[in-house]
Protein backbone atom coordinates (compact mmCIF):
# COMPACT_ATOMS: atom_id res chain seq x y z
CA VAL A 1 0.00 0.00 0.00
CA ARG A 2 2.81 2.39 0.92
CA ASP A 3 4.57 1.93 -2.44
CA ALA A 4 1.32 2.43 -4.37
CA ILE A 5 0.54 5.64 -2.46
CA MET A 6 4.03 6.96 -3.13
CA GLY A 7 3.85 6.04 -6.83
CA TYR A 8 6.63 3.42 -6.69
CA ASP A 9 6.66 0.24 -8.72
CA ILE A 10 5.26 -2.59 -6.64
CA SER A 11 7.84 -5.37 -6.26
CA ASP A 12 6.12 -7.62 -3.74
CA TYR A 13 2.77 -8.14 -2.11
CA ASP A 14 1.97 -8.57 1.58
CA ILE A 15 -1.54 -9.73 2.37
CA THR A 16 -3.25 -10.28 5.70
CA THR A 17 -6.45 -12.25 6.08
CA ASN A 18 -8.84 -13.67 8.63
CA ALA A 19 -8.10 -17.14 7.20
CA SER A 20 -5.90 -19.60 9.10
CA LEU A 21 -2.61 -20.90 7.69
CA ASP A 22 -4.32 -24.19 6.81
CA GLU A 23 -7.12 -22.36 4.99
CA ILE A 24 -4.58 -20.26 3.07
CA LYS A 25 -2.69 -23.42 2.04
CA LEU A 26 -5.95 -24.95 0.83
CA VAL A 27 -6.85 -21.88 -1.26
CA PHE A 28 -3.40 -21.88 -2.88
CA SER A 29 -3.01 -25.68 -3.11
CA SER A 30 -2.27 -25.53 -6.86
CA ASP A 31 0.58 -23.02 -6.33
CA LYS A 32 4.00 -23.37 -4.75
CA VAL A 33 3.66 -22.52 -1.04
CA LYS A 34 6.66 -21.91 1.20
CA GLU A 35 6.20 -21.70 4.97
CA TYR A 36 8.66 -19.37 6.67
CA SER A 37 10.47 -20.50 9.80
CA ASN A 38 8.46 -18.00 11.88
CA LYS A 39 5.43 -20.30 11.28
CA ILE A 40 3.11 -17.29 10.90
CA THR A 41 3.63 -16.31 7.26
CA LEU A 42 3.34 -18.19 3.99
CA CYS A 43 4.97 -17.22 0.72
CA ILE A 44 2.85 -18.04 -2.30
CA ILE A 45 4.82 -18.19 -5.55
CA LYS A 46 2.49 -17.53 -8.46
CA ASN A 47 3.63 -16.54 -11.95
CA HIS A 48 7.12 -15.76 -10.59
CA GLU A 49 5.59 -13.29 -8.08
CA HIS A 50 6.12 -13.71 -4.35
CA ILE A 51 3.05 -13.01 -2.27
CA GLU A 52 3.40 -13.11 1.52
CA VAL A 53 0.18 -14.05 3.31
CA THR A 54 -0.23 -13.77 7.09
CA PRO A 55 -3.34 -14.35 9.22
CA PHE A 56 -4.58 -11.32 11.16
CA LYS A 57 -2.83 -10.47 14.43
CA GLY A 58 -6.20 -10.04 16.11
CA LYS A 59 -9.77 -10.65 14.95
CA THR A 60 -10.12 -7.74 12.49
CA ILE A 61 -7.94 -5.72 10.14
CA VAL A 62 -8.07 -2.78 12.58
CA GLU A 63 -6.80 -5.01 15.43
CA ASP A 64 -4.12 -6.37 13.10
CA LEU A 65 -2.91 -2.86 12.28
CA SER A 66 -2.90 -1.94 15.98
CA ASN A 67 -0.54 -4.84 16.65
CA ARG A 68 2.07 -3.62 14.17
CA ASP A 69 5.02 -1.75 15.59
CA PHE A 70 5.85 0.61 12.71
CA THR A 71 3.50 3.38 11.62
CA ILE A 72 4.39 2.89 7.96
CA ASN A 73 3.14 -0.71 8.22
CA SER A 74 -0.08 0.42 9.86
CA ILE A 75 -2.02 0.93 6.66
CA ALA A 76 -4.05 -1.48 4.60
CA TYR A 77 -6.19 -1.37 1.50
CA ASP A 78 -9.32 -3.50 1.15
CA LEU A 79 -9.97 -2.72 -2.56
CA LYS A 80 -12.40 0.03 -1.49
CA GLU A 81 -10.54 2.28 0.93
CA ILE A 82 -7.31 2.78 2.83
CA ILE A 83 -7.54 1.63 6.44
CA GLU A 84 -5.19 3.23 8.95
CA LYS A 85 -4.19 2.38 12.48
CA ASN A 86 -5.33 4.92 15.07
CA ASN A 87 -1.97 6.24 16.30
CA LYS A 88 -3.34 7.93 19.43
């Protein structure tokens, strides 16, 4: 989201979802899936693109953003609007 807002070329994708790791693996079962050693993120390799997929850190996207420790990572886009962490 940050790169898109700043007009940079997008070189990778980071997605968060309310799906579990097992559900993510099932959805991408026909693609190459790499599980990182942290056991909380999957890398989906599709058409030579690397897409990192992580379940929410919390129950909602807003809770997920609140659990991130860097302000620049506290934004998301849900294909309708930009969602920001309340930094108060």
